Amino acid sequence: MIIDGTRAHDRATTLILAYYAAFNRGDWAAMLALLTDDVAHDLNQGTRETGRDAFAAFLARMDRSYREHLRDIVVMASPDGARAAAEYVVHGEYLVADDGLPPANGQKYVLSGGAFFDIHEGRIARVTNHYNLQDWIAQVS
């Protein structure tokens, strides 16, 4: 809930909601504009990638293999606005096989997910995503 728009946690919540609104529009440029140049991106059950260029490459990989829309997004932020978390439900379609994952043929899936964020000077400095990979594999196999 935004009470007056001047509190740090209100600004953090607004930032994360803008990030997910851009995601749902497929507006990768708008998403990237919300990130710091040296953003840390922790892939689900994977490695950390660093930098806006690496994040752009990740979005390109995602855009090639998946069509996703997030629903039921809930954002929580720390009182100082330095950290935030989000929970959501992914409604997706698996379009093209991703490296090391099952073959794709348009399988649809619904999956709960979440993310944790660090925020620095009004931009997202870290994104850590989490979802149940085994559940996703079961749905698309």
N, C-alpha and C. Protein backbone atom coordinates (compact mmCIF):
# COMPACT_ATOMS: atom_id res chain seq x y z
N MET A 1 0.84 -1.16 0.00
CA MET A 1 0.00 0.00 0.00
C MET A 1 0.89 1.23 0.00
N ILE A 2 0.62 2.15 -0.90
CA ILE A 2 1.37 3.39 -0.96
C ILE A 2 0.57 4.45 -0.21
N ILE A 3 1.18 5.00 0.81
CA ILE A 3 0.48 5.97 1.64
C ILE A 3 0.73 7.39 1.15
N ASP A 4 2.00 7.76 1.00
CA ASP A 4 2.27 9.13 0.55
C ASP A 4 3.31 9.21 -0.56
N GLY A 5 3.89 8.10 -0.97
CA GLY A 5 4.83 8.08 -2.06
C GLY A 5 6.19 8.65 -1.74
N THR A 6 6.42 9.08 -0.51
CA THR A 6 7.73 9.66 -0.18
C THR A 6 8.57 8.73 0.67
N ARG A 7 7.99 7.71 1.20
CA ARG A 7 8.74 6.79 2.05
C ARG A 7 9.55 5.83 1.21
N ALA A 8 10.71 5.46 1.72
CA ALA A 8 11.64 4.61 0.97
C ALA A 8 11.01 3.28 0.58
N HIS A 9 10.26 2.66 1.47
CA HIS A 9 9.69 1.36 1.10
C HIS A 9 8.58 1.51 0.06
N ASP A 10 7.91 2.67 0.02
CA ASP A 10 6.94 2.92 -1.04
C ASP A 10 7.64 3.01 -2.39
N ARG A 11 8.77 3.72 -2.42
CA ARG A 11 9.52 3.86 -3.67
C ARG A 11 10.06 2.50 -4.13
N ALA A 12 10.53 1.69 -3.19
CA ALA A 12 11.03 0.35 -3.54
C ALA A 12 9.90 -0.51 -4.11
N THR A 13 8.74 -0.47 -3.49
CA THR A 13 7.60 -1.24 -3.98
C THR A 13 7.22 -0.79 -5.38
N THR A 14 7.17 0.50 -5.60
CA THR A 14 6.84 1.05 -6.92
C THR A 14 7.86 0.61 -7.96
N LEU A 15 9.14 0.61 -7.61
CA LEU A 15 10.20 0.18 -8.52
C LEU A 15 10.01 -1.27 -8.93
N ILE A 16 9.76 -2.14 -7.97
CA ILE A 16 9.60 -3.57 -8.29
C ILE A 16 8.33 -3.81 -9.10
N LEU A 17 7.26 -3.11 -8.79
CA LEU A 17 6.04 -3.24 -9.59
C LEU A 17 6.26 -2.75 -11.02
N ALA A 18 7.05 -1.70 -11.20
CA ALA A 18 7.38 -1.21 -12.55
C ALA A 18 8.20 -2.25 -13.31
N TYR A 19 9.13 -2.90 -12.61
CA TYR A 19 9.95 -3.96 -13.20
C TYR A 19 9.06 -5.09 -13.73
N TYR A 20 8.11 -5.54 -12.92
CA TYR A 20 7.24 -6.62 -13.36
C TYR A 20 6.22 -6.17 -14.39
N ALA A 21 5.78 -4.93 -14.35
CA ALA A 21 4.88 -4.42 -15.39
C ALA A 21 5.61 -4.43 -16.74
N ALA A 22 6.88 -4.02 -16.74
CA ALA A 22 7.68 -4.04 -17.97
C ALA A 22 7.86 -5.48 -18.45
N PHE A 23 8.11 -6.42 -17.51
CA PHE A 23 8.23 -7.83 -17.87
C PHE A 23 6.96 -8.31 -18.56
N ASN A 24 5.82 -8.02 -17.97
CA ASN A 24 4.55 -8.50 -18.53
C ASN A 24 4.25 -7.88 -19.89
N ARG A 25 4.78 -6.68 -20.16
CA ARG A 25 4.61 -6.05 -21.48
C ARG A 25 5.64 -6.56 -22.49
N GLY A 26 6.66 -7.29 -21.99
CA GLY A 26 7.76 -7.70 -22.86
C GLY A 26 8.64 -6.52 -23.24
N ASP A 27 8.68 -5.52 -22.40
CA ASP A 27 9.43 -4.29 -22.65
C ASP A 27 10.80 -4.40 -21.98
N TRP A 28 11.71 -5.10 -22.67
CA TRP A 28 13.03 -5.37 -22.09
C TRP A 28 13.82 -4.09 -21.86
N ALA A 29 13.69 -3.10 -22.73
CA ALA A 29 14.41 -1.84 -22.53
C ALA A 29 13.98 -1.16 -21.24
N ALA A 30 12.70 -1.18 -20.95
CA ALA A 30 12.20 -0.57 -19.71
C ALA A 30 12.71 -1.34 -18.50
N MET A 31 12.76 -2.67 -18.59
CA MET A 31 13.29 -3.47 -17.48
C MET A 31 14.75 -3.12 -17.24
N LEU A 32 15.53 -3.10 -18.31
CA LEU A 32 16.97 -2.83 -18.19
C LEU A 32 17.23 -1.44 -17.62
N ALA A 33 16.37 -0.48 -17.94
CA ALA A 33 16.55 0.89 -17.43
C ALA A 33 16.38 0.96 -15.92
N LEU A 34 15.72 -0.03 -15.32
CA LEU A 34 15.50 -0.04 -13.88
C LEU A 34 16.65 -0.69 -13.11
N LEU A 35 17.66 -1.21 -13.82
CA LEU A 35 18.77 -1.92 -13.21
C LEU A 35 20.01 -1.03 -13.11
N THR A 36 20.85 -1.30 -12.11
CA THR A 36 22.15 -0.65 -12.05
C THR A 36 23.04 -1.24 -13.15
N ASP A 37 24.09 -0.53 -13.53
CA ASP A 37 25.00 -1.03 -14.55
C ASP A 37 25.64 -2.36 -14.15
N ASP A 38 25.89 -2.52 -12.85
CA ASP A 38 26.58 -3.73 -12.35
C ASP A 38 25.62 -4.68 -11.64
N VAL A 39 24.37 -4.71 -12.07
CA VAL A 39 23.36 -5.55 -11.43
C VAL A 39 23.85 -6.99 -11.30
N ALA A 40 23.60 -7.58 -10.14
CA ALA A 40 23.89 -9.00 -9.91
C ALA A 40 22.59 -9.77 -10.14
N HIS A 41 22.66 -10.79 -10.98
CA HIS A 41 21.49 -11.59 -11.30
C HIS A 41 21.77 -13.04 -10.94
N ASP A 42 21.10 -13.52 -9.91
CA ASP A 42 21.23 -14.91 -9.47
C ASP A 42 20.16 -15.73 -10.16
N LEU A 43 20.59 -16.58 -11.08
CA LEU A 43 19.67 -17.43 -11.81
C LEU A 43 19.14 -18.52 -10.89
N ASN A 44 17.90 -18.92 -11.11
CA ASN A 44 17.31 -19.98 -10.30
C ASN A 44 18.20 -21.21 -10.34
N GLN A 45 18.62 -21.68 -9.17
CA GLN A 45 19.42 -22.88 -9.03
C GLN A 45 20.63 -22.87 -9.96
N GLY A 46 21.19 -21.68 -10.19
CA GLY A 46 22.31 -21.57 -11.12
C GLY A 46 23.35 -20.58 -10.63
N THR A 47 24.01 -19.98 -11.58
CA THR A 47 25.13 -19.09 -11.30
C THR A 47 24.68 -17.65 -11.16
N ARG A 48 25.62 -16.81 -10.79
CA ARG A 48 25.39 -15.37 -10.75
C ARG A 48 25.98 -14.75 -12.01
N GLU A 49 25.18 -13.94 -12.66
CA GLU A 49 25.65 -13.15 -13.78
C GLU A 49 25.69 -11.69 -13.33
N THR A 50 26.66 -10.94 -13.84
CA THR A 50 26.83 -9.57 -13.39
C THR A 50 26.81 -8.61 -14.58
N GLY A 51 26.07 -7.53 -14.42
CA GLY A 51 26.04 -6.47 -15.42
C GLY A 51 24.76 -6.43 -16.22
N ARG A 52 24.44 -5.23 -16.68
CA ARG A 52 23.23 -5.03 -17.46
C ARG A 52 23.30 -5.77 -18.80
N ASP A 53 24.49 -5.85 -19.40
CA ASP A 53 24.63 -6.58 -20.67
C ASP A 53 24.33 -8.07 -20.49
N ALA A 54 24.81 -8.65 -19.40
CA ALA A 54 24.52 -10.06 -19.11
C ALA A 54 23.03 -10.25 -18.89
N PHE A 55 22.39 -9.29 -18.21
CA PHE A 55 20.96 -9.39 -17.98
C PHE A 55 20.20 -9.30 -19.30
N ALA A 56 20.65 -8.44 -20.21
CA ALA A 56 20.02 -8.32 -21.53
C ALA A 56 20.15 -9.63 -22.30
N ALA A 57 21.30 -10.28 -22.20
CA ALA A 57 21.49 -11.57 -22.87
C ALA A 57 20.56 -12.62 -22.27
N PHE A 58 20.39 -12.59 -20.95
CA PHE A 58 19.45 -13.50 -20.29
C PHE A 58 18.02 -13.28 -20.81
N LEU A 59 17.62 -12.02 -20.92
CA LEU A 59 16.28 -11.72 -21.42
C LEU A 59 16.10 -12.22 -22.86
N ALA A 60 17.13 -12.10 -23.66
CA ALA A 60 17.06 -12.59 -25.04
C ALA A 60 16.89 -14.11 -25.06
N ARG A 61 17.62 -14.82 -24.18
CA ARG A 61 17.45 -16.28 -24.08
C ARG A 61 16.03 -16.63 -23.65
N MET A 62 15.55 -15.91 -22.66
CA MET A 62 14.19 -16.17 -22.17
C MET A 62 13.16 -15.89 -23.27
N ASP A 63 13.33 -14.79 -23.98
CA ASP A 63 12.38 -14.39 -25.02
C ASP A 63 12.32 -15.44 -26.13
N ARG A 64 13.44 -16.08 -26.40
CA ARG A 64 13.51 -17.11 -27.44
C ARG A 64 12.75 -18.37 -27.03
N SER A 65 12.87 -18.77 -25.76
CA SER A 65 12.36 -20.07 -25.34
C SER A 65 11.01 -20.04 -24.62
N TYR A 66 10.63 -18.89 -24.07
CA TYR A 66 9.45 -18.86 -23.21
C TYR A 66 8.57 -17.65 -23.53
N ARG A 67 7.29 -17.85 -23.33
CA ARG A 67 6.34 -16.74 -23.31
C ARG A 67 5.69 -16.81 -21.94
N GLU A 68 5.95 -15.79 -21.11
CA GLU A 68 5.46 -15.83 -19.73
C GLU A 68 4.74 -14.54 -19.36
N HIS A 69 3.78 -14.71 -18.48
CA HIS A 69 3.05 -13.59 -17.90
C HIS A 69 2.92 -13.87 -16.40
N LEU A 70 3.24 -12.87 -15.60
CA LEU A 70 3.17 -13.03 -14.14
C LEU A 70 1.84 -12.48 -13.63
N ARG A 71 1.24 -13.23 -12.72
CA ARG A 71 -0.03 -12.81 -12.10
C ARG A 71 0.11 -12.90 -10.59
N ASP A 72 -0.84 -12.31 -9.91
CA ASP A 72 -0.91 -12.37 -8.45
C ASP A 72 0.40 -11.92 -7.81
N ILE A 73 0.96 -10.82 -8.31
CA ILE A 73 2.24 -10.31 -7.82
C ILE A 73 2.04 -9.60 -6.48
N VAL A 74 2.83 -9.99 -5.51
CA VAL A 74 2.83 -9.35 -4.19
C VAL A 74 4.26 -8.89 -3.93
N VAL A 75 4.43 -7.62 -3.58
CA VAL A 75 5.76 -7.06 -3.31
C VAL A 75 5.82 -6.61 -1.87
N MET A 76 6.94 -6.94 -1.23
CA MET A 76 7.20 -6.50 0.14
C MET A 76 8.56 -5.80 0.14
N ALA A 77 8.68 -4.72 0.89
CA ALA A 77 9.95 -3.98 0.93
C ALA A 77 10.33 -3.68 2.37
N SER A 78 11.63 -3.60 2.60
CA SER A 78 12.13 -3.23 3.93
C SER A 78 11.82 -1.76 4.18
N PRO A 79 11.71 -1.37 5.43
CA PRO A 79 11.38 0.03 5.75
C PRO A 79 12.34 1.04 5.13
N ASP A 80 13.62 0.68 4.99
CA ASP A 80 14.60 1.61 4.41
C ASP A 80 14.63 1.56 2.89
N GLY A 81 13.86 0.67 2.27
CA GLY A 81 13.79 0.57 0.83
C GLY A 81 15.01 -0.05 0.17
N ALA A 82 15.91 -0.61 0.95
CA ALA A 82 17.14 -1.18 0.39
C ALA A 82 16.96 -2.60 -0.13
N ARG A 83 15.93 -3.28 0.35
CA ARG A 83 15.68 -4.65 -0.09
C ARG A 83 14.18 -4.84 -0.31
N ALA A 84 13.87 -5.75 -1.22
CA ALA A 84 12.48 -6.06 -1.50
C ALA A 84 12.38 -7.53 -1.89
N ALA A 85 11.17 -8.04 -1.83
CA ALA A 85 10.88 -9.41 -2.26
C ALA A 85 9.55 -9.40 -2.99
N ALA A 86 9.40 -10.35 -3.89
CA ALA A 86 8.15 -10.48 -4.61
C ALA A 86 7.78 -11.95 -4.73
N GLU A 87 6.50 -12.20 -4.69
CA GLU A 87 5.98 -13.54 -4.96
C GLU A 87 4.97 -13.39 -6.08
N TYR A 88 4.89 -14.40 -6.95
CA TYR A 88 4.03 -14.30 -8.12
C TYR A 88 3.71 -15.70 -8.63
N VAL A 89 2.80 -15.76 -9.59
CA VAL A 89 2.48 -17.01 -10.27
C VAL A 89 2.80 -16.79 -11.75
N VAL A 90 3.65 -17.66 -12.28
CA VAL A 90 4.04 -17.60 -13.69
C VAL A 90 3.05 -18.44 -14.50
N HIS A 91 2.50 -17.83 -15.53
CA HIS A 91 1.68 -18.55 -16.51
C HIS A 91 2.50 -18.50 -17.80
N GLY A 92 2.97 -19.68 -18.24
CA GLY A 92 3.90 -19.66 -19.35
C GLY A 92 3.64 -20.71 -20.40
N GLU A 93 4.41 -20.53 -21.48
CA GLU A 93 4.41 -21.48 -22.59
C GLU A 93 5.87 -21.69 -22.99
N TYR A 94 6.26 -22.93 -23.12
CA TYR A 94 7.62 -23.32 -23.46
C TYR A 94 7.70 -23.45 -24.98
N LEU A 95 8.41 -22.54 -25.63
CA LEU A 95 8.38 -22.42 -27.08
C LEU A 95 9.51 -23.15 -27.80
N VAL A 96 10.73 -22.95 -27.31
CA VAL A 96 11.93 -23.50 -27.95
C VAL A 96 12.79 -24.08 -26.84
N ALA A 97 13.32 -25.30 -27.06
CA ALA A 97 14.11 -25.96 -26.03
C ALA A 97 15.25 -25.08 -25.54
N ASP A 98 15.38 -24.99 -24.23
CA ASP A 98 16.46 -24.26 -23.58
C ASP A 98 17.57 -25.26 -23.25
N ASP A 99 18.80 -24.79 -23.23
CA ASP A 99 19.96 -25.67 -23.00
C ASP A 99 19.79 -26.54 -21.76
N GLY A 100 19.95 -27.86 -21.93
CA GLY A 100 19.92 -28.79 -20.82
C GLY A 100 18.53 -29.09 -20.28
N LEU A 101 17.49 -28.62 -20.95
CA LEU A 101 16.12 -28.83 -20.47
C LEU A 101 15.35 -29.67 -21.49
N PRO A 102 14.17 -30.15 -21.11
CA PRO A 102 13.40 -31.02 -22.01
C PRO A 102 13.07 -30.32 -23.34
N PRO A 103 12.71 -31.12 -24.35
CA PRO A 103 12.29 -30.55 -25.63
C PRO A 103 11.04 -29.68 -25.44
N ALA A 104 10.92 -28.66 -26.29
CA ALA A 104 9.78 -27.75 -26.21
C ALA A 104 8.85 -27.96 -27.39
N ASN A 105 7.56 -27.91 -27.14
CA ASN A 105 6.57 -27.96 -28.21
C ASN A 105 5.31 -27.20 -27.81
N GLY A 106 5.51 -26.07 -27.15
CA GLY A 106 4.37 -25.23 -26.78
C GLY A 106 3.68 -25.63 -25.50
N GLN A 107 4.35 -26.43 -24.65
CA GLN A 107 3.73 -26.86 -23.40
C GLN A 107 3.42 -25.64 -22.53
N LYS A 108 2.26 -25.66 -21.93
CA LYS A 108 1.87 -24.60 -21.00
C LYS A 108 2.18 -25.04 -19.58
N TYR A 109 2.46 -24.07 -18.72
CA TYR A 109 2.77 -24.36 -17.32
C TYR A 109 2.31 -23.21 -16.44
N VAL A 110 2.06 -23.54 -15.18
CA VAL A 110 1.72 -22.57 -14.14
C VAL A 110 2.61 -22.90 -12.96
N LEU A 111 3.31 -21.89 -12.46
CA LEU A 111 4.36 -22.14 -11.49
C LEU A 111 4.49 -20.97 -10.53
N SER A 112 4.53 -21.26 -9.25
CA SER A 112 4.80 -20.21 -8.26
C SER A 112 6.27 -19.85 -8.31
N GLY A 113 6.55 -18.57 -8.09
CA GLY A 113 7.94 -18.12 -8.08
C GLY A 113 8.11 -16.95 -7.14
N GLY A 114 9.36 -16.59 -6.95
CA GLY A 114 9.66 -15.46 -6.10
C GLY A 114 11.00 -14.86 -6.47
N ALA A 115 11.23 -13.67 -5.98
CA ALA A 115 12.50 -13.00 -6.24
C ALA A 115 12.84 -12.10 -5.06
N PHE A 116 14.14 -11.90 -4.90
CA PHE A 116 14.67 -11.00 -3.87
C PHE A 116 15.49 -9.94 -4.57
N PHE A 117 15.43 -8.73 -4.06
CA PHE A 117 16.07 -7.59 -4.70
C PHE A 117 16.88 -6.78 -3.70
N ASP A 118 18.02 -6.26 -4.17
CA ASP A 118 18.73 -5.18 -3.49
C ASP A 118 18.48 -3.93 -4.33
N ILE A 119 18.28 -2.82 -3.66
CA ILE A 119 18.00 -1.56 -4.35
C ILE A 119 19.03 -0.54 -3.91
N HIS A 120 19.61 0.14 -4.91
CA HIS A 120 20.64 1.13 -4.63
C HIS A 120 20.37 2.37 -5.49
N GLU A 121 20.21 3.51 -4.82
CA GLU A 121 19.98 4.80 -5.50
C GLU A 121 18.85 4.72 -6.52
N GLY A 122 17.77 4.07 -6.12
CA GLY A 122 16.56 4.04 -6.94
C GLY A 122 16.56 3.04 -8.08
N ARG A 123 17.57 2.18 -8.12
CA ARG A 123 17.62 1.16 -9.16
C ARG A 123 17.85 -0.21 -8.53
N ILE A 124 17.51 -1.24 -9.28
CA ILE A 124 17.68 -2.62 -8.81
C ILE A 124 19.14 -3.02 -9.00
N ALA A 125 19.78 -3.41 -7.88
CA ALA A 125 21.19 -3.78 -7.91
C ALA A 125 21.40 -5.30 -7.84
N ARG A 126 20.37 -6.03 -7.43
CA ARG A 126 20.45 -7.50 -7.39
C ARG A 126 19.06 -8.06 -7.60
N VAL A 127 19.00 -9.12 -8.41
CA VAL A 127 17.77 -9.90 -8.60
C VAL A 127 18.14 -11.36 -8.37
N THR A 128 17.49 -11.99 -7.41
CA THR A 128 17.68 -13.42 -7.14
C THR A 128 16.33 -14.09 -7.35
N ASN A 129 16.24 -14.92 -8.38
CA ASN A 129 14.98 -15.58 -8.71
C ASN A 129 14.94 -17.00 -8.15
N HIS A 130 13.73 -17.44 -7.79
CA HIS A 130 13.57 -18.81 -7.32
C HIS A 130 12.21 -19.34 -7.74
N TYR A 131 12.23 -20.56 -8.24
CA TYR A 131 11.02 -21.33 -8.50
C TYR A 131 11.40 -22.80 -8.41
N ASN A 132 10.40 -23.65 -8.40
CA ASN A 132 10.64 -25.08 -8.26
C ASN A 132 10.92 -25.69 -9.64
N LEU A 133 12.20 -25.84 -9.97
CA LEU A 133 12.59 -26.36 -11.28
C LEU A 133 12.03 -27.75 -11.54
N GLN A 134 12.02 -28.61 -10.52
CA GLN A 134 11.51 -29.97 -10.71
C GLN A 134 10.02 -29.96 -11.06
N ASP A 135 9.27 -29.05 -10.45
CA ASP A 135 7.84 -28.91 -10.78
C ASP A 135 7.69 -28.47 -12.23
N TRP A 136 8.50 -27.48 -12.64
CA TRP A 136 8.42 -26.99 -14.02
C TRP A 136 8.74 -28.13 -15.00
N ILE A 137 9.81 -28.88 -14.73
CA ILE A 137 10.20 -30.00 -15.61
C ILE A 137 9.07 -31.02 -15.70
N ALA A 138 8.45 -31.33 -14.58
CA ALA A 138 7.33 -32.28 -14.58
C ALA A 138 6.18 -31.76 -15.45
N GLN A 139 5.93 -30.46 -15.40
CA GLN A 139 4.82 -29.90 -16.18
C GLN A 139 5.08 -29.90 -17.68
N VAL A 140 6.34 -29.75 -18.08
CA VAL A 140 6.63 -29.66 -19.52
C VAL A 140 7.10 -30.99 -20.11
N SER A 141 7.31 -31.99 -19.27
CA SER A 141 7.79 -33.30 -19.78
C SER A 141 6.64 -34.17 -20.24
